[in-house]
């Protein structure tokens, strides 16, 4: 499938809540997963970063996302993901997004989470994770709720352009 256009900040679909996927093995959902994977790969090739993408970012209001992390090897589709548990410990970090790639936002996220989802073969899965994978999944699941990282900014001063972030040397301190 071809790479899809990624909706940018201001597009009304990004603020909408996504509907559940009824049949995770349906051909349309399989095609959506290929599109998400291809779009993620193309963005990574063009920009040098990116670990996940949610269906609303390509204009599909369904509870589906695709992630690719190396390490720890979290890779593939997550359909109808739900956070079942959040660690009470939180971490602040600079978050970025395909839908506003020139901005970074300082957010607070749970250090660890447990997610229930359906995989690409239609099997129920449960994943407990922490650190980078937990932060990523919280970000992507927020997209399914119509919530963007800018809404999670820890303060009005917690938004920075990527150019300023790099110029100030913050890119050397944090690995997105």
N, C-alpha and C. Protein backbone atom coordinates (compact mmCIF):
# COMPACT_ATOMS: atom_id res chain seq x y z
N UNK A 1 0.84 -1.18 0.00
CA UNK A 1 0.00 0.00 0.00
C UNK A 1 0.89 1.25 0.00
N UNK A 2 0.37 2.34 -0.50
CA UNK A 2 1.16 3.56 -0.53
C UNK A 2 1.21 4.24 0.83
N UNK A 3 2.23 5.04 0.97
CA UNK A 3 2.36 5.88 2.16
C UNK A 3 1.19 6.87 2.15
N UNK A 4 0.60 7.12 3.33
CA UNK A 4 -0.54 8.03 3.43
C UNK A 4 -0.10 9.39 3.96
N UNK A 5 -0.86 10.40 3.63
CA UNK A 5 -0.62 11.74 4.15
C UNK A 5 -0.90 11.75 5.66
N UNK A 6 -0.03 12.39 6.41
CA UNK A 6 -0.22 12.53 7.86
C UNK A 6 -0.87 13.88 8.13
N UNK A 7 -2.04 13.83 8.77
CA UNK A 7 -2.74 15.07 9.10
C UNK A 7 -1.92 15.88 10.10
N UNK A 8 -1.89 17.19 9.88
CA UNK A 8 -1.10 18.10 10.69
C UNK A 8 -1.97 18.85 11.70
N UNK A 9 -1.31 19.37 12.73
CA UNK A 9 -1.97 20.13 13.78
C UNK A 9 -2.93 21.14 13.17
N UNK A 10 -4.15 21.12 13.63
CA UNK A 10 -5.20 21.98 13.10
C UNK A 10 -6.25 21.20 12.32
N UNK A 11 -5.89 20.00 11.85
CA UNK A 11 -6.87 19.18 11.13
C UNK A 11 -7.91 18.69 12.14
N UNK A 12 -9.20 18.88 11.83
CA UNK A 12 -10.25 18.55 12.81
C UNK A 12 -10.32 17.07 13.21
N UNK A 13 -9.93 16.16 12.35
CA UNK A 13 -10.00 14.74 12.71
C UNK A 13 -9.07 14.38 13.87
N UNK A 14 -7.99 15.13 14.04
CA UNK A 14 -7.05 14.83 15.12
C UNK A 14 -7.68 15.03 16.51
N UNK A 15 -8.75 15.79 16.58
CA UNK A 15 -9.40 16.07 17.86
C UNK A 15 -10.58 15.14 18.13
N UNK A 16 -10.85 14.22 17.22
CA UNK A 16 -12.01 13.32 17.33
C UNK A 16 -11.62 12.02 18.03
N UNK A 17 -12.58 11.47 18.76
CA UNK A 17 -12.37 10.17 19.40
C UNK A 17 -12.62 9.07 18.37
N UNK A 18 -11.79 8.05 18.38
CA UNK A 18 -11.88 6.95 17.42
C UNK A 18 -12.85 5.87 17.89
N UNK A 19 -13.49 5.22 16.93
CA UNK A 19 -14.40 4.11 17.21
C UNK A 19 -13.63 2.80 17.30
N UNK A 20 -14.16 1.87 18.06
CA UNK A 20 -13.55 0.55 18.19
C UNK A 20 -13.57 -0.18 16.85
N UNK A 21 -12.62 -1.07 16.66
CA UNK A 21 -12.57 -1.94 15.49
C UNK A 21 -13.40 -3.18 15.82
N UNK A 22 -14.40 -3.45 15.00
CA UNK A 22 -15.28 -4.61 15.24
C UNK A 22 -14.61 -5.92 14.87
N UNK A 23 -13.97 -5.97 13.71
CA UNK A 23 -13.34 -7.20 13.24
C UNK A 23 -11.88 -6.93 12.93
N UNK A 24 -10.97 -7.23 13.87
CA UNK A 24 -9.55 -6.94 13.67
C UNK A 24 -8.92 -7.67 12.50
N UNK A 25 -9.54 -8.73 12.00
CA UNK A 25 -8.96 -9.48 10.89
C UNK A 25 -9.60 -9.13 9.55
N UNK A 26 -10.49 -8.15 9.53
CA UNK A 26 -11.14 -7.74 8.29
C UNK A 26 -10.11 -7.21 7.29
N UNK A 27 -10.33 -7.43 6.01
CA UNK A 27 -9.38 -6.94 5.00
C UNK A 27 -9.11 -5.44 5.10
N UNK A 28 -10.12 -4.65 5.41
CA UNK A 28 -9.91 -3.21 5.52
C UNK A 28 -8.97 -2.87 6.67
N UNK A 29 -9.06 -3.61 7.77
CA UNK A 29 -8.18 -3.35 8.91
C UNK A 29 -6.77 -3.83 8.60
N UNK A 30 -6.64 -4.96 7.93
CA UNK A 30 -5.31 -5.43 7.51
C UNK A 30 -4.65 -4.40 6.58
N UNK A 31 -5.43 -3.85 5.65
CA UNK A 31 -4.91 -2.83 4.74
C UNK A 31 -4.52 -1.57 5.51
N UNK A 32 -5.33 -1.20 6.50
CA UNK A 32 -5.01 -0.04 7.34
C UNK A 32 -3.67 -0.25 8.05
N UNK A 33 -3.43 -1.45 8.57
CA UNK A 33 -2.18 -1.74 9.27
C UNK A 33 -0.98 -1.63 8.33
N UNK A 34 -1.13 -2.09 7.10
CA UNK A 34 -0.06 -1.96 6.11
C UNK A 34 0.18 -0.48 5.82
N UNK A 35 -0.89 0.29 5.67
CA UNK A 35 -0.75 1.73 5.42
C UNK A 35 -0.03 2.42 6.59
N UNK A 36 -0.41 2.06 7.82
CA UNK A 36 0.24 2.66 8.98
C UNK A 36 1.73 2.30 9.02
N UNK A 37 2.04 1.04 8.78
CA UNK A 37 3.43 0.60 8.76
C UNK A 37 4.22 1.32 7.68
N UNK A 38 3.67 1.38 6.47
CA UNK A 38 4.35 2.06 5.35
C UNK A 38 4.54 3.55 5.63
N UNK A 39 3.53 4.18 6.21
CA UNK A 39 3.61 5.61 6.51
C UNK A 39 4.65 5.87 7.59
N UNK A 40 4.66 5.03 8.61
CA UNK A 40 5.67 5.13 9.67
C UNK A 40 7.07 4.97 9.07
N UNK A 41 7.27 3.97 8.25
CA UNK A 41 8.59 3.73 7.64
C UNK A 41 9.02 4.91 6.77
N UNK A 42 8.11 5.47 5.99
CA UNK A 42 8.45 6.60 5.13
C UNK A 42 8.80 7.84 5.97
N UNK A 43 8.06 8.06 7.05
CA UNK A 43 8.36 9.21 7.91
C UNK A 43 9.74 9.04 8.54
N UNK A 44 10.02 7.84 9.04
CA UNK A 44 11.34 7.57 9.65
C UNK A 44 12.46 7.78 8.64
N UNK A 45 12.26 7.33 7.41
CA UNK A 45 13.28 7.49 6.38
C UNK A 45 13.51 8.96 6.05
N UNK A 46 12.44 9.75 6.04
CA UNK A 46 12.55 11.16 5.68
C UNK A 46 13.06 12.03 6.82
N UNK A 47 12.71 11.69 8.07
CA UNK A 47 12.99 12.58 9.20
C UNK A 47 14.00 12.02 10.20
N UNK A 48 14.28 10.73 10.15
CA UNK A 48 15.26 10.15 11.05
C UNK A 48 14.75 9.83 12.45
N UNK A 49 13.46 9.94 12.67
CA UNK A 49 12.89 9.58 13.96
C UNK A 49 11.45 9.12 13.75
N UNK A 50 10.89 8.50 14.76
CA UNK A 50 9.50 8.05 14.73
C UNK A 50 9.39 6.61 15.16
N UNK A 51 8.48 6.35 16.11
CA UNK A 51 8.33 5.01 16.65
C UNK A 51 6.92 4.47 16.55
N UNK A 52 5.94 5.33 16.29
CA UNK A 52 4.57 4.85 16.24
C UNK A 52 3.67 5.84 15.53
N UNK A 53 2.53 5.32 15.09
CA UNK A 53 1.55 6.16 14.41
C UNK A 53 0.16 5.59 14.69
N UNK A 54 -0.79 6.49 14.86
CA UNK A 54 -2.17 6.10 15.13
C UNK A 54 -3.05 6.37 13.92
N UNK A 55 -4.07 5.55 13.74
CA UNK A 55 -4.95 5.65 12.58
C UNK A 55 -5.53 7.05 12.35
N UNK A 56 -5.94 7.79 13.40
CA UNK A 56 -6.47 9.13 13.13
C UNK A 56 -5.48 10.06 12.43
N UNK A 57 -4.19 9.81 12.60
CA UNK A 57 -3.20 10.66 11.96
C UNK A 57 -3.21 10.53 10.44
N UNK A 58 -3.78 9.42 9.93
CA UNK A 58 -3.91 9.29 8.48
C UNK A 58 -5.39 9.35 8.08
N UNK A 59 -6.21 9.90 8.96
CA UNK A 59 -7.61 10.17 8.62
C UNK A 59 -8.58 9.04 8.85
N UNK A 60 -8.19 8.02 9.61
CA UNK A 60 -9.08 6.88 9.87
C UNK A 60 -9.41 6.88 11.35
N UNK A 61 -10.67 7.12 11.69
CA UNK A 61 -11.08 7.21 13.09
C UNK A 61 -11.44 5.84 13.65
N UNK A 62 -10.43 4.99 13.73
CA UNK A 62 -10.56 3.65 14.31
C UNK A 62 -9.47 3.47 15.35
N UNK A 63 -9.75 2.66 16.35
CA UNK A 63 -8.80 2.44 17.46
C UNK A 63 -7.73 1.44 17.00
N UNK A 64 -6.78 1.95 16.26
CA UNK A 64 -5.71 1.13 15.71
C UNK A 64 -4.44 1.96 15.65
N UNK A 65 -3.32 1.32 15.97
CA UNK A 65 -2.03 1.99 15.86
C UNK A 65 -0.97 0.98 15.48
N UNK A 66 0.15 1.49 15.05
CA UNK A 66 1.28 0.64 14.65
C UNK A 66 2.53 1.21 15.30
N UNK A 67 3.31 0.34 15.96
CA UNK A 67 4.54 0.79 16.61
C UNK A 67 5.71 -0.05 16.13
N UNK A 68 6.89 0.58 16.18
CA UNK A 68 8.13 -0.08 15.78
C UNK A 68 9.25 0.52 16.62
N UNK A 69 9.75 -0.28 17.58
CA UNK A 69 10.84 0.17 18.45
C UNK A 69 11.95 -0.86 18.45
N UNK A 70 13.19 -0.39 18.33
CA UNK A 70 14.37 -1.25 18.39
C UNK A 70 15.41 -0.62 19.28
N UNK A 71 15.90 -1.25 20.33
CA UNK A 71 15.17 -2.24 21.12
C UNK A 71 14.05 -1.57 21.88
N UNK A 72 13.16 -2.17 22.52
CA UNK A 72 13.15 -3.56 22.93
C UNK A 72 12.40 -4.49 22.00
N UNK A 73 12.10 -4.07 20.80
CA UNK A 73 11.47 -4.99 19.87
C UNK A 73 9.95 -4.92 19.84
N UNK A 74 9.38 -3.90 20.47
CA UNK A 74 7.93 -3.71 20.39
C UNK A 74 7.62 -3.30 18.95
N UNK A 75 6.91 -4.15 18.24
CA UNK A 75 6.69 -3.90 16.82
C UNK A 75 5.38 -4.52 16.39
N UNK A 76 4.60 -3.75 15.63
CA UNK A 76 3.41 -4.31 15.04
C UNK A 76 2.15 -3.55 15.39
N UNK A 77 1.02 -4.11 14.97
CA UNK A 77 -0.26 -3.44 15.19
C UNK A 77 -0.81 -3.67 16.60
N UNK A 78 -1.47 -2.67 17.11
CA UNK A 78 -2.24 -2.77 18.34
C UNK A 78 -3.64 -2.28 18.00
N UNK A 79 -4.61 -3.15 18.13
CA UNK A 79 -5.99 -2.84 17.78
C UNK A 79 -6.81 -2.76 19.06
N UNK A 80 -7.64 -1.74 19.15
CA UNK A 80 -8.47 -1.47 20.33
C UNK A 80 -7.65 -1.46 21.63
N UNK A 81 -6.49 -0.79 21.63
CA UNK A 81 -5.69 -0.78 22.86
C UNK A 81 -6.36 0.03 23.96
N UNK A 82 -6.21 -0.47 25.19
CA UNK A 82 -6.73 0.22 26.37
C UNK A 82 -5.68 0.12 27.48
N UNK A 83 -5.46 1.23 28.14
CA UNK A 83 -4.57 1.22 29.29
C UNK A 83 -5.37 0.68 30.47
N UNK A 84 -4.89 -0.44 31.02
CA UNK A 84 -5.58 -1.10 32.12
C UNK A 84 -5.01 -0.70 33.48
N UNK A 85 -3.74 -0.27 33.48
CA UNK A 85 -3.08 0.13 34.71
C UNK A 85 -2.01 1.15 34.38
N UNK A 86 -1.86 2.15 35.26
CA UNK A 86 -0.78 3.14 35.15
C UNK A 86 -0.02 3.19 36.46
N UNK A 87 1.29 3.19 36.37
CA UNK A 87 2.14 3.39 37.54
C UNK A 87 1.86 4.78 38.10
N UNK A 88 1.88 4.92 39.41
CA UNK A 88 1.66 6.23 40.02
C UNK A 88 2.89 7.13 39.87
N UNK A 89 4.06 6.54 39.60
CA UNK A 89 5.28 7.32 39.37
C UNK A 89 5.21 7.91 37.96
N UNK A 90 5.63 9.17 37.86
CA UNK A 90 5.55 9.87 36.59
C UNK A 90 6.93 10.39 36.20
N UNK A 91 7.07 10.66 34.92
CA UNK A 91 8.31 11.23 34.40
C UNK A 91 7.93 12.36 33.44
N UNK A 92 8.73 13.41 33.44
CA UNK A 92 8.55 14.48 32.47
C UNK A 92 9.56 14.27 31.35
N UNK A 93 9.10 14.47 30.12
CA UNK A 93 9.97 14.29 28.96
C UNK A 93 9.49 15.16 27.82
N UNK A 94 10.40 15.38 26.87
CA UNK A 94 10.05 16.12 25.65
C UNK A 94 9.44 15.13 24.67
N UNK A 95 8.23 15.41 24.24
CA UNK A 95 7.47 14.55 23.34
C UNK A 95 7.38 15.22 21.98
N UNK A 96 7.41 14.42 20.94
CA UNK A 96 7.20 14.95 19.59
C UNK A 96 6.11 14.15 18.91
N UNK A 97 5.70 14.59 17.73
CA UNK A 97 4.56 13.97 17.06
C UNK A 97 4.66 14.19 15.56
N UNK A 98 4.26 13.18 14.81
CA UNK A 98 4.23 13.30 13.34
C UNK A 98 3.30 14.40 12.89
N UNK A 99 2.29 14.71 13.68
CA UNK A 99 1.29 15.71 13.30
C UNK A 99 1.74 17.13 13.60
N UNK A 100 2.85 17.29 14.30
CA UNK A 100 3.51 18.59 14.45
C UNK A 100 5.01 18.35 14.63
N UNK A 101 5.67 17.89 13.55
CA UNK A 101 7.06 17.45 13.64
C UNK A 101 8.07 18.55 13.97
N UNK A 102 7.68 19.80 13.86
CA UNK A 102 8.61 20.89 14.16
C UNK A 102 8.46 21.42 15.57
N UNK A 103 7.59 20.76 16.39
CA UNK A 103 7.40 21.16 17.79
C UNK A 103 7.75 20.02 18.73
N UNK A 104 8.20 20.38 19.91
CA UNK A 104 8.36 19.43 21.01
C UNK A 104 7.59 19.98 22.19
N UNK A 105 7.03 19.07 22.97
CA UNK A 105 6.18 19.46 24.10
C UNK A 105 6.65 18.69 25.33
N UNK A 106 6.87 19.39 26.42
CA UNK A 106 7.24 18.73 27.68
C UNK A 106 5.96 18.25 28.34
N UNK A 107 5.87 16.93 28.54
CA UNK A 107 4.67 16.30 29.09
C UNK A 107 5.04 15.46 30.30
N UNK A 108 4.04 15.08 31.05
CA UNK A 108 4.20 14.16 32.17
C UNK A 108 3.48 12.87 31.80
N UNK A 109 4.18 11.75 31.92
CA UNK A 109 3.62 10.44 31.59
C UNK A 109 3.89 9.46 32.73
N UNK A 110 3.05 8.45 32.83
CA UNK A 110 3.28 7.37 33.79
C UNK A 110 4.55 6.62 33.39
N UNK A 111 5.36 6.25 34.36
CA UNK A 111 6.61 5.52 34.10
C UNK A 111 6.31 4.14 33.51
N UNK A 112 5.26 3.49 33.98
CA UNK A 112 4.90 2.16 33.49
C UNK A 112 3.40 2.06 33.28
N UNK A 113 3.02 1.19 32.36
CA UNK A 113 1.60 0.95 32.09
C UNK A 113 1.38 -0.52 31.73
N UNK A 114 0.13 -0.92 31.78
CA UNK A 114 -0.28 -2.21 31.25
C UNK A 114 -1.37 -1.94 30.23
N UNK A 115 -1.20 -2.51 29.05
CA UNK A 115 -2.12 -2.29 27.94
C UNK A 115 -2.73 -3.61 27.50
N UNK A 116 -4.02 -3.57 27.27
CA UNK A 116 -4.74 -4.71 26.69
C UNK A 116 -5.07 -4.32 25.25
N UNK A 117 -4.85 -5.25 24.31
CA UNK A 117 -5.09 -4.95 22.90
C UNK A 117 -5.29 -6.24 22.13
N UNK A 118 -5.63 -6.10 20.86
CA UNK A 118 -5.73 -7.23 19.94
C UNK A 118 -4.60 -7.09 18.94
N UNK A 119 -3.87 -8.17 18.69
CA UNK A 119 -2.74 -8.11 17.76
C UNK A 119 -3.23 -8.28 16.32
N UNK A 120 -2.30 -8.29 15.39
CA UNK A 120 -2.62 -8.39 13.97
C UNK A 120 -3.24 -9.70 13.53
N UNK A 121 -3.14 -10.72 14.38
CA UNK A 121 -3.76 -12.02 14.08
C UNK A 121 -5.10 -12.19 14.78
N UNK A 122 -5.56 -11.13 15.45
CA UNK A 122 -6.86 -11.18 16.11
C UNK A 122 -6.82 -11.78 17.50
N UNK A 123 -5.62 -11.93 18.08
CA UNK A 123 -5.49 -12.52 19.43
C UNK A 123 -5.44 -11.42 20.49
N UNK A 124 -6.12 -11.68 21.61
CA UNK A 124 -6.06 -10.76 22.75
C UNK A 124 -4.68 -10.83 23.38
N UNK A 125 -4.12 -9.66 23.69
CA UNK A 125 -2.80 -9.56 24.28
C UNK A 125 -2.84 -8.60 25.46
N UNK A 126 -1.90 -8.77 26.34
CA UNK A 126 -1.71 -7.86 27.47
C UNK A 126 -0.22 -7.61 27.59
N UNK A 127 0.16 -6.36 27.72
CA UNK A 127 1.57 -5.98 27.77
C UNK A 127 1.79 -5.03 28.92
N UNK A 128 2.74 -5.36 29.78
CA UNK A 128 3.16 -4.44 30.85
C UNK A 128 4.54 -3.94 30.44
N UNK A 129 4.70 -2.62 30.41
CA UNK A 129 5.95 -2.05 29.94
C UNK A 129 6.24 -0.75 30.68
N UNK A 130 7.48 -0.31 30.57
CA UNK A 130 7.87 0.94 31.22
C UNK A 130 8.87 1.67 30.32
N UNK A 131 9.20 2.89 30.73
CA UNK A 131 10.17 3.68 29.99
C UNK A 131 9.65 4.10 28.63
N UNK A 132 10.53 4.04 27.63
CA UNK A 132 10.20 4.48 26.27
C UNK A 132 8.95 3.84 25.68
N UNK A 133 8.82 2.51 25.76
CA UNK A 133 7.60 1.90 25.22
C UNK A 133 6.32 2.38 25.92
N UNK A 134 6.38 2.57 27.23
CA UNK A 134 5.21 3.05 27.97
C UNK A 134 4.85 4.47 27.54
N UNK A 135 5.86 5.31 27.40
CA UNK A 135 5.63 6.70 26.96
C UNK A 135 5.02 6.71 25.57
N UNK A 136 5.58 5.92 24.67
CA UNK A 136 5.08 5.86 23.30
C UNK A 136 3.62 5.40 23.26
N UNK A 137 3.31 4.33 23.96
CA UNK A 137 1.93 3.82 23.92
C UNK A 137 0.94 4.82 24.51
N UNK A 138 1.33 5.54 25.56
CA UNK A 138 0.45 6.57 26.10
C UNK A 138 0.18 7.65 25.06
N UNK A 139 1.23 8.06 24.35
CA UNK A 139 1.09 9.07 23.30
C UNK A 139 0.14 8.60 22.20
N UNK A 140 0.36 7.38 21.71
CA UNK A 140 -0.45 6.88 20.60
C UNK A 140 -1.89 6.61 21.02
N UNK A 141 -2.10 6.09 22.22
CA UNK A 141 -3.47 5.85 22.70
C UNK A 141 -4.19 7.18 22.91
N UNK A 142 -3.46 8.21 23.34
CA UNK A 142 -4.06 9.55 23.41
C UNK A 142 -4.64 9.96 22.06
N UNK A 143 -3.91 9.68 20.97
CA UNK A 143 -4.43 10.01 19.63
C UNK A 143 -5.80 9.36 19.40
N UNK A 144 -5.98 8.15 19.86
CA UNK A 144 -7.25 7.45 19.66
C UNK A 144 -8.38 8.09 20.45
N UNK A 145 -8.02 8.85 21.49
CA UNK A 145 -9.00 9.57 22.30
C UNK A 145 -9.20 11.01 21.80
N UNK A 146 -8.47 11.40 20.75
CA UNK A 146 -8.56 12.77 20.25
C UNK A 146 -7.78 13.76 21.10
N UNK A 147 -6.78 13.26 21.82
CA UNK A 147 -5.95 14.09 22.70
C UNK A 147 -4.56 14.20 22.09
N UNK A 148 -4.08 15.43 21.95
CA UNK A 148 -2.73 15.66 21.40
C UNK A 148 -1.76 16.04 22.52
N UNK A 149 -0.49 15.80 22.28
CA UNK A 149 0.54 16.08 23.28
C UNK A 149 0.50 17.53 23.73
N UNK A 150 0.15 18.45 22.85
CA UNK A 150 0.11 19.86 23.27
C UNK A 150 -0.91 20.09 24.38
N UNK A 151 -1.93 19.24 24.46
CA UNK A 151 -2.91 19.33 25.54
C UNK A 151 -2.34 18.81 26.85
N UNK A 152 -1.27 18.07 26.79
CA UNK A 152 -0.63 17.50 27.98
C UNK A 152 0.59 18.30 28.43
N UNK A 153 0.85 19.43 27.79
CA UNK A 153 2.01 20.25 28.17
C UNK A 153 1.97 20.55 29.66
N UNK A 154 3.12 20.43 30.32
CA UNK A 154 3.17 20.64 31.77
C UNK A 154 3.03 22.12 32.15
N UNK A 155 3.23 23.01 31.18
CA UNK A 155 3.04 24.45 31.41
C UNK A 155 2.94 25.13 30.05
N UNK A 156 2.49 26.38 30.01
CA UNK A 156 2.46 27.10 28.73
C UNK A 156 3.84 27.30 28.13
N UNK A 157 4.90 27.26 28.96
CA UNK A 157 6.27 27.43 28.46
C UNK A 157 6.90 26.11 28.03
N UNK A 158 6.14 25.02 28.08
CA UNK A 158 6.68 23.68 27.80
C UNK A 158 6.51 23.27 26.34
N UNK A 159 6.54 24.24 25.45
CA UNK A 159 6.45 23.96 24.01
C UNK A 159 7.65 24.66 23.35
N UNK A 160 8.32 23.93 22.47
CA UNK A 160 9.55 24.42 21.87
C UNK A 160 9.62 23.99 20.41
N UNK A 161 10.14 24.84 19.55
CA UNK A 161 10.36 24.39 18.19
C UNK A 161 11.52 23.40 18.18
N UNK A 162 11.53 22.51 17.23
CA UNK A 162 12.62 21.53 17.13
C UNK A 162 13.95 22.25 16.89
N UNK A 163 13.93 23.30 16.08
CA UNK A 163 15.17 24.03 15.79
C UNK A 163 15.76 24.63 17.07
N UNK A 164 14.92 25.22 17.93
CA UNK A 164 15.40 25.80 19.18
C UNK A 164 15.86 24.71 20.14
N UNK A 165 15.15 23.61 20.16
CA UNK A 165 15.50 22.48 21.03
C UNK A 165 16.90 21.96 20.68
N UNK A 166 17.18 21.84 19.40
CA UNK A 166 18.51 21.39 18.94
C UNK A 166 19.56 22.47 19.21
N UNK A 167 19.23 23.74 18.87
CA UNK A 167 20.17 24.84 19.06
C UNK A 167 20.61 24.95 20.52
N UNK A 168 19.69 24.70 21.45
CA UNK A 168 20.00 24.83 22.87
C UNK A 168 20.72 23.61 23.44
N UNK A 169 20.90 22.57 22.63
CA UNK A 169 21.62 21.39 23.06
C UNK A 169 20.77 20.36 23.79
N UNK A 170 19.47 20.60 23.88
CA UNK A 170 18.61 19.65 24.60
C UNK A 170 18.53 18.31 23.87
N UNK A 171 18.77 18.29 22.57
CA UNK A 171 18.73 17.04 21.81
C UNK A 171 19.84 16.09 22.24
N UNK A 172 20.90 16.59 22.84
CA UNK A 172 22.01 15.76 23.31
C UNK A 172 21.68 15.11 24.65
N UNK A 173 20.66 15.66 25.35
CA UNK A 173 20.33 15.20 26.70
C UNK A 173 19.20 14.16 26.71
N UNK A 174 18.37 14.17 25.68
CA UNK A 174 17.17 13.32 25.69
C UNK A 174 17.10 12.56 24.38
N UNK A 175 16.83 11.26 24.46
CA UNK A 175 16.68 10.43 23.27
C UNK A 175 15.20 10.20 23.03
N UNK A 176 14.67 10.79 21.96
CA UNK A 176 13.25 10.62 21.65
C UNK A 176 13.02 9.31 21.00
